[in-house]
Amino acid sequence: MTKEEKLAVIDSLAQQLQNYPHFYVADIEALNAEQTAALRRKCFENGVKLVVVKNTLLNKALEKVEKADADLVNVLEGPTSVMFAEVAKAPAQLIKEFRKESDKPVLKAAFAEGCVYVGDDKLDALCNIKSKEELIGDLIALLQSPAKNVISALQANAGQKIAGLVKTLESRNN
């Protein structure tokens, strides 16, 4: 690979690192051609972009976009593939689903929702991660719940209770 080709690959990786808010670094080495094709198909169906990269080129691309966290750089050994995604938990769910049939891919590290997760043991946590929009939705639902309960209680017996209150207040004033 010439120096110009390497620079082009680094630029391409850096562009993808900037375009996608979440990425996973995984090892897919032991997969045969059929399994690799199946993994690529699942990635395409789930909006995940899978790229096999050289560790040094990925390291330079991470440095270029200032995401070269020490924990991320330390996992760049052996065969490496990168999964780029718009949704933080999509690659984790895909890996977990794919591993029902095979012991690969193995998660090396992930950059999701602005945090770095290192190790395959973080896969379950990544599957359960909520996006910013989901968290805001949950918060709004929690805030609306008490207000809805009060309004529904007032509406359910509103006619009877209000009439009773008015009658009691009138009798006290007289």
N, C-alpha and C. Protein backbone atom coordinates (compact mmCIF):
# COMPACT_ATOMS: atom_id res chain seq x y z
N MET A 1 0.85 -1.18 0.00
CA MET A 1 0.00 0.00 0.00
C MET A 1 0.90 1.24 0.00
N THR A 2 0.66 2.12 -0.93
CA THR A 2 1.49 3.32 -1.02
C THR A 2 1.08 4.33 0.05
N LYS A 3 1.92 5.31 0.23
CA LYS A 3 1.65 6.34 1.24
C LYS A 3 0.37 7.11 0.91
N GLU A 4 0.14 7.37 -0.37
CA GLU A 4 -1.07 8.10 -0.79
C GLU A 4 -2.32 7.27 -0.50
N GLU A 5 -2.24 5.96 -0.74
CA GLU A 5 -3.38 5.07 -0.45
C GLU A 5 -3.67 5.03 1.04
N LYS A 6 -2.61 4.98 1.84
CA LYS A 6 -2.79 4.98 3.29
C LYS A 6 -3.43 6.28 3.76
N LEU A 7 -2.97 7.40 3.22
CA LEU A 7 -3.57 8.69 3.59
C LEU A 7 -5.04 8.76 3.19
N ALA A 8 -5.37 8.18 2.04
CA ALA A 8 -6.77 8.16 1.59
C ALA A 8 -7.62 7.32 2.54
N VAL A 9 -7.09 6.17 2.98
CA VAL A 9 -7.82 5.31 3.92
C VAL A 9 -8.00 6.03 5.26
N ILE A 10 -6.95 6.69 5.74
CA ILE A 10 -7.03 7.43 7.00
C ILE A 10 -8.07 8.53 6.90
N ASP A 11 -8.07 9.26 5.79
CA ASP A 11 -9.07 10.33 5.59
C ASP A 11 -10.48 9.77 5.55
N SER A 12 -10.65 8.63 4.87
CA SER A 12 -11.97 8.00 4.79
C SER A 12 -12.45 7.56 6.17
N LEU A 13 -11.57 6.93 6.93
CA LEU A 13 -11.93 6.50 8.30
C LEU A 13 -12.25 7.71 9.18
N ALA A 14 -11.45 8.75 9.07
CA ALA A 14 -11.67 9.96 9.87
C ALA A 14 -13.03 10.58 9.53
N GLN A 15 -13.37 10.59 8.26
CA GLN A 15 -14.67 11.12 7.82
C GLN A 15 -15.81 10.29 8.42
N GLN A 16 -15.67 8.97 8.41
CA GLN A 16 -16.71 8.10 8.96
C GLN A 16 -16.80 8.26 10.48
N LEU A 17 -15.66 8.44 11.14
CA LEU A 17 -15.67 8.66 12.59
C LEU A 17 -16.39 9.96 12.95
N GLN A 18 -16.33 10.95 12.06
CA GLN A 18 -17.03 12.21 12.30
C GLN A 18 -18.50 12.12 11.93
N ASN A 19 -18.82 11.35 10.88
CA ASN A 19 -20.20 11.25 10.40
C ASN A 19 -21.08 10.40 11.30
N TYR A 20 -20.51 9.37 11.91
CA TYR A 20 -21.28 8.47 12.77
C TYR A 20 -20.98 8.77 14.23
N PRO A 21 -22.01 8.97 15.04
CA PRO A 21 -21.77 9.30 16.45
C PRO A 21 -21.30 8.12 17.30
N HIS A 22 -21.52 6.88 16.81
CA HIS A 22 -21.18 5.70 17.59
C HIS A 22 -20.40 4.71 16.72
N PHE A 23 -19.39 4.08 17.32
CA PHE A 23 -18.67 3.04 16.60
C PHE A 23 -18.18 1.98 17.57
N TYR A 24 -18.10 0.76 17.07
CA TYR A 24 -17.66 -0.40 17.84
C TYR A 24 -16.44 -0.98 17.16
N VAL A 25 -15.46 -1.40 17.95
CA VAL A 25 -14.28 -2.07 17.44
C VAL A 25 -14.43 -3.54 17.83
N ALA A 26 -14.41 -4.42 16.82
CA ALA A 26 -14.67 -5.84 17.07
C ALA A 26 -13.66 -6.71 16.35
N ASP A 27 -13.60 -7.97 16.78
CA ASP A 27 -12.75 -8.97 16.15
C ASP A 27 -13.66 -9.98 15.45
N ILE A 28 -13.54 -10.10 14.13
CA ILE A 28 -14.34 -11.06 13.37
C ILE A 28 -13.44 -12.08 12.66
N GLU A 29 -12.24 -12.28 13.17
CA GLU A 29 -11.22 -13.06 12.48
C GLU A 29 -11.64 -14.49 12.14
N ALA A 30 -12.22 -15.25 13.03
CA ALA A 30 -12.48 -16.67 12.82
C ALA A 30 -13.72 -16.97 11.97
N LEU A 31 -14.40 -15.94 11.50
CA LEU A 31 -15.59 -16.17 10.69
C LEU A 31 -15.19 -16.60 9.28
N ASN A 32 -15.89 -17.62 8.76
CA ASN A 32 -15.62 -18.03 7.38
C ASN A 32 -16.33 -17.08 6.42
N ALA A 33 -16.17 -17.32 5.14
CA ALA A 33 -16.74 -16.41 4.13
C ALA A 33 -18.26 -16.33 4.22
N GLU A 34 -18.90 -17.47 4.45
CA GLU A 34 -20.37 -17.49 4.55
C GLU A 34 -20.85 -16.70 5.77
N GLN A 35 -20.19 -16.89 6.91
CA GLN A 35 -20.56 -16.17 8.13
C GLN A 35 -20.29 -14.68 7.99
N THR A 36 -19.18 -14.33 7.36
CA THR A 36 -18.85 -12.92 7.16
C THR A 36 -19.88 -12.24 6.27
N ALA A 37 -20.31 -12.94 5.22
CA ALA A 37 -21.34 -12.40 4.33
C ALA A 37 -22.66 -12.23 5.09
N ALA A 38 -22.98 -13.19 5.95
CA ALA A 38 -24.21 -13.10 6.75
C ALA A 38 -24.14 -11.92 7.72
N LEU A 39 -22.96 -11.72 8.32
CA LEU A 39 -22.77 -10.59 9.24
C LEU A 39 -22.90 -9.27 8.50
N ARG A 40 -22.29 -9.17 7.34
CA ARG A 40 -22.39 -7.94 6.55
C ARG A 40 -23.85 -7.66 6.15
N ARG A 41 -24.59 -8.72 5.80
CA ARG A 41 -26.00 -8.57 5.44
C ARG A 41 -26.81 -8.04 6.63
N LYS A 42 -26.58 -8.63 7.82
CA LYS A 42 -27.29 -8.17 9.02
C LYS A 42 -26.93 -6.71 9.34
N CYS A 43 -25.67 -6.38 9.16
CA CYS A 43 -25.24 -5.00 9.40
C CYS A 43 -25.98 -4.06 8.47
N PHE A 44 -26.05 -4.41 7.19
CA PHE A 44 -26.73 -3.56 6.20
C PHE A 44 -28.21 -3.41 6.56
N GLU A 45 -28.86 -4.51 6.96
CA GLU A 45 -30.29 -4.49 7.31
C GLU A 45 -30.56 -3.62 8.53
N ASN A 46 -29.58 -3.52 9.44
CA ASN A 46 -29.77 -2.78 10.69
C ASN A 46 -29.14 -1.39 10.67
N GLY A 47 -28.71 -0.92 9.52
CA GLY A 47 -28.14 0.42 9.41
C GLY A 47 -26.77 0.56 10.04
N VAL A 48 -26.01 -0.52 10.07
CA VAL A 48 -24.66 -0.52 10.64
C VAL A 48 -23.68 -0.72 9.49
N LYS A 49 -22.63 0.08 9.48
CA LYS A 49 -21.61 -0.04 8.43
C LYS A 49 -20.42 -0.79 9.01
N LEU A 50 -20.04 -1.89 8.38
CA LEU A 50 -18.93 -2.73 8.83
C LEU A 50 -17.73 -2.51 7.92
N VAL A 51 -16.57 -2.19 8.52
CA VAL A 51 -15.34 -1.95 7.77
C VAL A 51 -14.20 -2.69 8.46
N VAL A 52 -13.44 -3.47 7.69
CA VAL A 52 -12.25 -4.13 8.22
C VAL A 52 -11.08 -3.17 8.00
N VAL A 53 -10.30 -2.92 9.06
CA VAL A 53 -9.25 -1.91 9.00
C VAL A 53 -7.93 -2.43 9.57
N LYS A 54 -6.87 -1.72 9.20
CA LYS A 54 -5.58 -1.97 9.83
C LYS A 54 -5.51 -1.11 11.09
N ASN A 55 -4.97 -1.67 12.14
CA ASN A 55 -4.92 -0.98 13.43
C ASN A 55 -4.19 0.35 13.37
N THR A 56 -3.07 0.40 12.68
CA THR A 56 -2.30 1.65 12.63
C THR A 56 -3.08 2.75 11.91
N LEU A 57 -3.79 2.37 10.84
CA LEU A 57 -4.57 3.37 10.10
C LEU A 57 -5.74 3.87 10.94
N LEU A 58 -6.39 2.95 11.66
CA LEU A 58 -7.49 3.36 12.54
C LEU A 58 -6.98 4.26 13.65
N ASN A 59 -5.83 3.93 14.21
CA ASN A 59 -5.23 4.74 15.26
C ASN A 59 -4.96 6.16 14.76
N LYS A 60 -4.42 6.28 13.56
CA LYS A 60 -4.14 7.61 13.00
C LYS A 60 -5.43 8.37 12.71
N ALA A 61 -6.47 7.66 12.26
CA ALA A 61 -7.76 8.31 12.01
C ALA A 61 -8.38 8.79 13.32
N LEU A 62 -8.25 7.99 14.39
CA LEU A 62 -8.76 8.40 15.70
C LEU A 62 -8.03 9.65 16.20
N GLU A 63 -6.72 9.69 15.99
CA GLU A 63 -5.94 10.86 16.38
C GLU A 63 -6.38 12.09 15.58
N LYS A 64 -6.66 11.88 14.32
CA LYS A 64 -7.04 12.98 13.44
C LYS A 64 -8.34 13.64 13.88
N VAL A 65 -9.29 12.85 14.37
CA VAL A 65 -10.59 13.40 14.81
C VAL A 65 -10.64 13.58 16.33
N GLU A 66 -9.49 13.44 16.98
CA GLU A 66 -9.35 13.66 18.42
C GLU A 66 -10.24 12.74 19.25
N LYS A 67 -10.31 11.47 18.85
CA LYS A 67 -11.04 10.46 19.63
C LYS A 67 -10.10 9.35 20.06
N ALA A 68 -8.81 9.61 20.04
CA ALA A 68 -7.81 8.60 20.36
C ALA A 68 -7.68 8.43 21.87
N ASP A 69 -8.73 7.93 22.48
CA ASP A 69 -8.73 7.63 23.91
C ASP A 69 -7.73 6.50 24.17
N ALA A 70 -7.02 6.55 25.29
CA ALA A 70 -6.00 5.54 25.60
C ALA A 70 -6.60 4.14 25.64
N ASP A 71 -7.81 4.01 26.18
CA ASP A 71 -8.46 2.70 26.25
C ASP A 71 -8.77 2.16 24.85
N LEU A 72 -9.19 3.04 23.95
CA LEU A 72 -9.49 2.62 22.58
C LEU A 72 -8.22 2.19 21.85
N VAL A 73 -7.16 2.94 22.02
CA VAL A 73 -5.91 2.65 21.33
C VAL A 73 -5.32 1.33 21.83
N ASN A 74 -5.48 1.03 23.11
CA ASN A 74 -4.91 -0.19 23.68
C ASN A 74 -5.54 -1.47 23.13
N VAL A 75 -6.76 -1.42 22.64
CA VAL A 75 -7.42 -2.62 22.11
C VAL A 75 -7.10 -2.86 20.65
N LEU A 76 -6.37 -1.97 20.03
CA LEU A 76 -6.06 -2.10 18.61
C LEU A 76 -4.90 -3.07 18.39
N GLU A 77 -5.18 -4.34 18.62
CA GLU A 77 -4.22 -5.41 18.39
C GLU A 77 -4.96 -6.54 17.70
N GLY A 78 -4.27 -7.22 16.81
CA GLY A 78 -4.89 -8.32 16.10
C GLY A 78 -5.88 -7.82 15.06
N PRO A 79 -6.62 -8.73 14.45
CA PRO A 79 -7.59 -8.35 13.42
C PRO A 79 -8.67 -7.43 13.99
N THR A 80 -8.96 -6.38 13.26
CA THR A 80 -9.92 -5.38 13.75
C THR A 80 -10.92 -5.00 12.67
N SER A 81 -12.16 -4.92 13.08
CA SER A 81 -13.19 -4.37 12.20
C SER A 81 -13.93 -3.30 12.99
N VAL A 82 -14.47 -2.33 12.28
CA VAL A 82 -15.18 -1.23 12.92
C VAL A 82 -16.62 -1.25 12.44
N MET A 83 -17.54 -1.10 13.39
CA MET A 83 -18.96 -1.03 13.07
C MET A 83 -19.43 0.39 13.38
N PHE A 84 -19.85 1.13 12.36
CA PHE A 84 -20.32 2.49 12.52
C PHE A 84 -21.85 2.47 12.57
N ALA A 85 -22.44 3.28 13.47
CA ALA A 85 -23.90 3.28 13.59
C ALA A 85 -24.43 4.63 14.03
N GLU A 86 -25.67 4.90 13.64
CA GLU A 86 -26.38 6.10 14.09
C GLU A 86 -27.03 5.86 15.45
N VAL A 87 -27.44 4.63 15.71
CA VAL A 87 -28.09 4.25 16.97
C VAL A 87 -27.07 3.52 17.83
N ALA A 88 -26.88 3.97 19.06
CA ALA A 88 -25.81 3.46 19.92
C ALA A 88 -25.87 1.97 20.18
N LYS A 89 -27.06 1.43 20.38
CA LYS A 89 -27.15 0.03 20.77
C LYS A 89 -27.34 -0.93 19.59
N ALA A 90 -27.47 -0.43 18.38
CA ALA A 90 -27.70 -1.29 17.22
C ALA A 90 -26.57 -2.31 17.00
N PRO A 91 -25.29 -1.91 17.01
CA PRO A 91 -24.24 -2.91 16.83
C PRO A 91 -24.18 -3.93 17.97
N ALA A 92 -24.44 -3.49 19.19
CA ALA A 92 -24.41 -4.42 20.32
C ALA A 92 -25.50 -5.48 20.18
N GLN A 93 -26.69 -5.06 19.81
CA GLN A 93 -27.78 -6.01 19.62
C GLN A 93 -27.48 -6.95 18.46
N LEU A 94 -26.88 -6.41 17.40
CA LEU A 94 -26.51 -7.23 16.25
C LEU A 94 -25.47 -8.27 16.63
N ILE A 95 -24.45 -7.87 17.39
CA ILE A 95 -23.41 -8.80 17.82
C ILE A 95 -24.02 -9.88 18.70
N LYS A 96 -24.86 -9.49 19.62
CA LYS A 96 -25.47 -10.46 20.53
C LYS A 96 -26.33 -11.45 19.75
N GLU A 97 -27.10 -10.97 18.81
CA GLU A 97 -27.95 -11.84 17.99
C GLU A 97 -27.09 -12.78 17.13
N PHE A 98 -26.03 -12.26 16.54
CA PHE A 98 -25.17 -13.06 15.68
C PHE A 98 -24.43 -14.13 16.47
N ARG A 99 -24.13 -13.85 17.71
CA ARG A 99 -23.38 -14.81 18.53
C ARG A 99 -24.24 -15.97 19.02
N LYS A 100 -25.51 -15.98 18.69
CA LYS A 100 -26.32 -17.17 18.98
C LYS A 100 -25.89 -18.32 18.08
N GLU A 101 -25.31 -17.99 16.92
CA GLU A 101 -24.88 -18.99 15.96
C GLU A 101 -23.37 -19.20 15.96
N SER A 102 -22.60 -18.24 16.45
CA SER A 102 -21.14 -18.28 16.40
C SER A 102 -20.57 -17.60 17.64
N ASP A 103 -19.29 -17.85 17.93
CA ASP A 103 -18.68 -17.20 19.09
C ASP A 103 -18.05 -15.86 18.71
N LYS A 104 -18.13 -15.48 17.46
CA LYS A 104 -17.63 -14.19 16.99
C LYS A 104 -18.80 -13.39 16.47
N PRO A 105 -18.74 -12.11 16.33
CA PRO A 105 -17.65 -11.20 16.64
C PRO A 105 -17.48 -10.97 18.15
N VAL A 106 -16.26 -10.66 18.51
CA VAL A 106 -15.94 -10.35 19.90
C VAL A 106 -15.74 -8.84 20.00
N LEU A 107 -16.43 -8.23 20.95
CA LEU A 107 -16.33 -6.78 21.14
C LEU A 107 -15.02 -6.44 21.82
N LYS A 108 -14.24 -5.59 21.19
CA LYS A 108 -13.00 -5.10 21.80
C LYS A 108 -13.28 -3.82 22.57
N ALA A 109 -13.99 -2.89 21.93
CA ALA A 109 -14.30 -1.61 22.56
C ALA A 109 -15.43 -0.96 21.78
N ALA A 110 -16.05 0.03 22.42
CA ALA A 110 -17.13 0.78 21.76
C ALA A 110 -17.08 2.23 22.21
N PHE A 111 -17.46 3.10 21.29
CA PHE A 111 -17.62 4.52 21.59
C PHE A 111 -19.09 4.81 21.35
N ALA A 112 -19.87 4.87 22.44
CA ALA A 112 -21.32 5.05 22.32
C ALA A 112 -21.80 6.10 23.30
N GLU A 113 -22.64 7.01 22.81
CA GLU A 113 -23.20 8.09 23.63
C GLU A 113 -22.11 8.87 24.35
N GLY A 114 -20.98 9.07 23.68
CA GLY A 114 -19.90 9.88 24.22
C GLY A 114 -19.01 9.19 25.24
N CYS A 115 -19.23 7.89 25.48
CA CYS A 115 -18.44 7.14 26.46
C CYS A 115 -17.71 5.98 25.78
N VAL A 116 -16.60 5.59 26.36
CA VAL A 116 -15.82 4.46 25.85
C VAL A 116 -16.09 3.25 26.73
N TYR A 117 -16.45 2.14 26.09
CA TYR A 117 -16.68 0.87 26.76
C TYR A 117 -15.63 -0.10 26.25
N VAL A 118 -14.88 -0.74 27.16
CA VAL A 118 -13.80 -1.63 26.76
C VAL A 118 -14.11 -3.04 27.24
N GLY A 119 -14.04 -3.99 26.33
CA GLY A 119 -14.19 -5.39 26.68
C GLY A 119 -15.52 -5.98 26.26
N ASP A 120 -15.48 -7.29 26.02
CA ASP A 120 -16.66 -8.01 25.58
C ASP A 120 -17.71 -8.11 26.68
N ASP A 121 -17.29 -7.96 27.93
CA ASP A 121 -18.23 -8.04 29.05
C ASP A 121 -19.18 -6.84 29.11
N LYS A 122 -18.92 -5.80 28.34
CA LYS A 122 -19.78 -4.61 28.32
C LYS A 122 -20.92 -4.73 27.29
N LEU A 123 -21.01 -5.87 26.61
CA LEU A 123 -21.99 -6.05 25.55
C LEU A 123 -23.43 -5.91 26.07
N ASP A 124 -23.72 -6.51 27.22
CA ASP A 124 -25.08 -6.41 27.78
C ASP A 124 -25.42 -4.98 28.15
N ALA A 125 -24.47 -4.26 28.72
CA ALA A 125 -24.71 -2.86 29.07
C ALA A 125 -24.99 -2.03 27.83
N LEU A 126 -24.26 -2.31 26.76
CA LEU A 126 -24.46 -1.57 25.51
C LEU A 126 -25.80 -1.91 24.86
N CYS A 127 -26.27 -3.13 25.04
CA CYS A 127 -27.59 -3.52 24.50
C CYS A 127 -28.71 -2.75 25.19
N ASN A 128 -28.49 -2.40 26.44
CA ASN A 128 -29.53 -1.73 27.23
C ASN A 128 -29.40 -0.21 27.26
N ILE A 129 -28.38 0.32 26.60
CA ILE A 129 -28.15 1.76 26.62
C ILE A 129 -29.32 2.49 25.94
N LYS A 130 -29.70 3.61 26.50
CA LYS A 130 -30.79 4.40 25.92
C LYS A 130 -30.21 5.64 25.26
N SER A 131 -30.82 6.00 24.16
CA SER A 131 -30.38 7.21 23.46
C SER A 131 -30.88 8.44 24.21
N LYS A 132 -30.36 9.58 23.85
CA LYS A 132 -30.77 10.84 24.46
C LYS A 132 -32.28 11.05 24.28
N GLU A 133 -32.78 10.74 23.09
CA GLU A 133 -34.20 10.92 22.80
C GLU A 133 -35.07 10.00 23.66
N GLU A 134 -34.62 8.74 23.85
CA GLU A 134 -35.37 7.81 24.69
C GLU A 134 -35.40 8.27 26.15
N LEU A 135 -34.27 8.80 26.62
CA LEU A 135 -34.22 9.29 28.01
C LEU A 135 -35.13 10.50 28.20
N ILE A 136 -35.16 11.40 27.23
CA ILE A 136 -36.04 12.56 27.31
C ILE A 136 -37.50 12.10 27.29
N GLY A 137 -37.82 11.13 26.45
CA GLY A 137 -39.18 10.59 26.40
C GLY A 137 -39.59 9.97 27.73
N ASP A 138 -38.67 9.21 28.35
CA ASP A 138 -38.96 8.61 29.66
C ASP A 138 -39.19 9.68 30.71
N LEU A 139 -38.38 10.73 30.68
CA LEU A 139 -38.51 11.82 31.65
C LEU A 139 -39.85 12.54 31.49
N ILE A 140 -40.24 12.80 30.25
CA ILE A 140 -41.51 13.47 30.00
C ILE A 140 -42.67 12.59 30.47
N ALA A 141 -42.58 11.29 30.21
CA ALA A 141 -43.64 10.37 30.66
C ALA A 141 -43.74 10.36 32.18
N LEU A 142 -42.60 10.41 32.86
CA LEU A 142 -42.62 10.43 34.33
C LEU A 142 -43.23 11.73 34.86
N LEU A 143 -42.93 12.84 34.20
CA LEU A 143 -43.47 14.12 34.64
C LEU A 143 -44.97 14.23 34.36
N GLN A 144 -45.42 13.63 33.27
CA GLN A 144 -46.83 13.72 32.90
C GLN A 144 -47.71 12.80 33.74
N SER A 145 -47.17 11.73 34.24
CA SER A 145 -47.96 10.73 34.94
C SER A 145 -48.74 11.28 36.13
N PRO A 146 -48.12 12.01 37.08
CA PRO A 146 -48.90 12.53 38.21
C PRO A 146 -49.99 13.51 37.77
N ALA A 147 -49.69 14.36 36.82
CA ALA A 147 -50.68 15.33 36.34
C ALA A 147 -51.85 14.61 35.69
N LYS A 148 -51.58 13.58 34.92
CA LYS A 148 -52.66 12.83 34.28
C LYS A 148 -53.54 12.14 35.32
N ASN A 149 -52.93 11.62 36.39
CA ASN A 149 -53.71 10.96 37.44
C ASN A 149 -54.66 11.94 38.12
N VAL A 150 -54.18 13.15 38.42
CA VAL A 150 -55.02 14.16 39.08
C VAL A 150 -56.17 14.57 38.16
N ILE A 151 -55.85 14.82 36.91
CA ILE A 151 -56.88 15.26 35.95
C ILE A 151 -57.91 14.17 35.74
N SER A 152 -57.48 12.93 35.60
CA SER A 152 -58.44 11.85 35.39
C SER A 152 -59.31 11.63 36.62
N ALA A 153 -58.73 11.78 37.81
CA ALA A 153 -59.52 11.64 39.04
C ALA A 153 -60.57 12.74 39.14
N LEU A 154 -60.18 13.96 38.78
CA LEU A 154 -61.14 15.06 38.80
C LEU A 154 -62.23 14.88 37.76
N GLN A 155 -61.86 14.40 36.59
CA GLN A 155 -62.85 14.22 35.54
C GLN A 155 -63.78 13.05 35.83
N ALA A 156 -63.32 12.01 36.49
CA ALA A 156 -64.13 10.84 36.75
C ALA A 156 -65.32 11.17 37.64
N ASN A 157 -65.09 11.88 38.70
CA ASN A 157 -66.16 12.19 39.64
C ASN A 157 -66.37 13.69 39.78
N ALA A 158 -65.96 14.41 38.77
CA ALA A 158 -65.97 15.87 38.87
C ALA A 158 -67.36 16.42 39.12
N GLY A 159 -68.35 15.96 38.38
CA GLY A 159 -69.70 16.50 38.53
C GLY A 159 -70.23 16.31 39.93
N GLN A 160 -70.07 15.13 40.47
CA GLN A 160 -70.61 14.83 41.80
C GLN A 160 -69.85 15.57 42.89
N LYS A 161 -68.54 15.56 42.83
CA LYS A 161 -67.74 16.18 43.89
C LYS A 161 -67.88 17.70 43.89
N ILE A 162 -67.84 18.30 42.73
CA ILE A 162 -67.94 19.76 42.67
C ILE A 162 -69.31 20.22 43.14
N ALA A 163 -70.35 19.51 42.73
CA ALA A 163 -71.70 19.86 43.17
C ALA A 163 -71.82 19.72 44.68
N GLY A 164 -71.21 18.67 45.23
CA GLY A 164 -71.24 18.45 46.68
C GLY A 164 -70.48 19.55 47.40
N LEU A 165 -69.35 19.97 46.87
CA LEU A 165 -68.57 21.04 47.50
C LEU A 165 -69.33 22.36 47.48
N VAL A 166 -69.95 22.67 46.35
CA VAL A 166 -70.72 23.91 46.23
C VAL A 166 -71.88 23.91 47.23
N LYS A 167 -72.59 22.79 47.34
CA LYS A 167 -73.72 22.68 48.27
C LYS A 167 -73.26 22.86 49.71
N THR A 168 -72.10 22.25 50.07
CA THR A 168 -71.57 22.37 51.43
C THR A 168 -71.17 23.81 51.72
N LEU A 169 -70.51 24.46 50.76
CA LEU A 169 -70.09 25.85 50.95
C LEU A 169 -71.32 26.77 51.08
N GLU A 170 -72.38 26.52 50.33
CA GLU A 170 -73.58 27.34 50.41
C GLU A 170 -74.26 27.17 51.79
N SER A 171 -74.28 25.94 52.28
CA SER A 171 -74.93 25.73 53.56
C SER A 171 -74.13 26.35 54.72
N ARG A 172 -72.87 26.45 54.61
CA ARG A 172 -72.04 27.07 55.64
C ARG A 172 -72.22 28.58 55.65
N ASN A 173 -72.38 29.16 54.46
CA ASN A 173 -72.54 30.61 54.37
C ASN A 173 -73.92 31.04 54.89
N ASN A 174 -74.89 30.20 54.87
CA ASN A 174 -76.25 30.56 55.29
C ASN A 174 -76.41 30.37 56.73
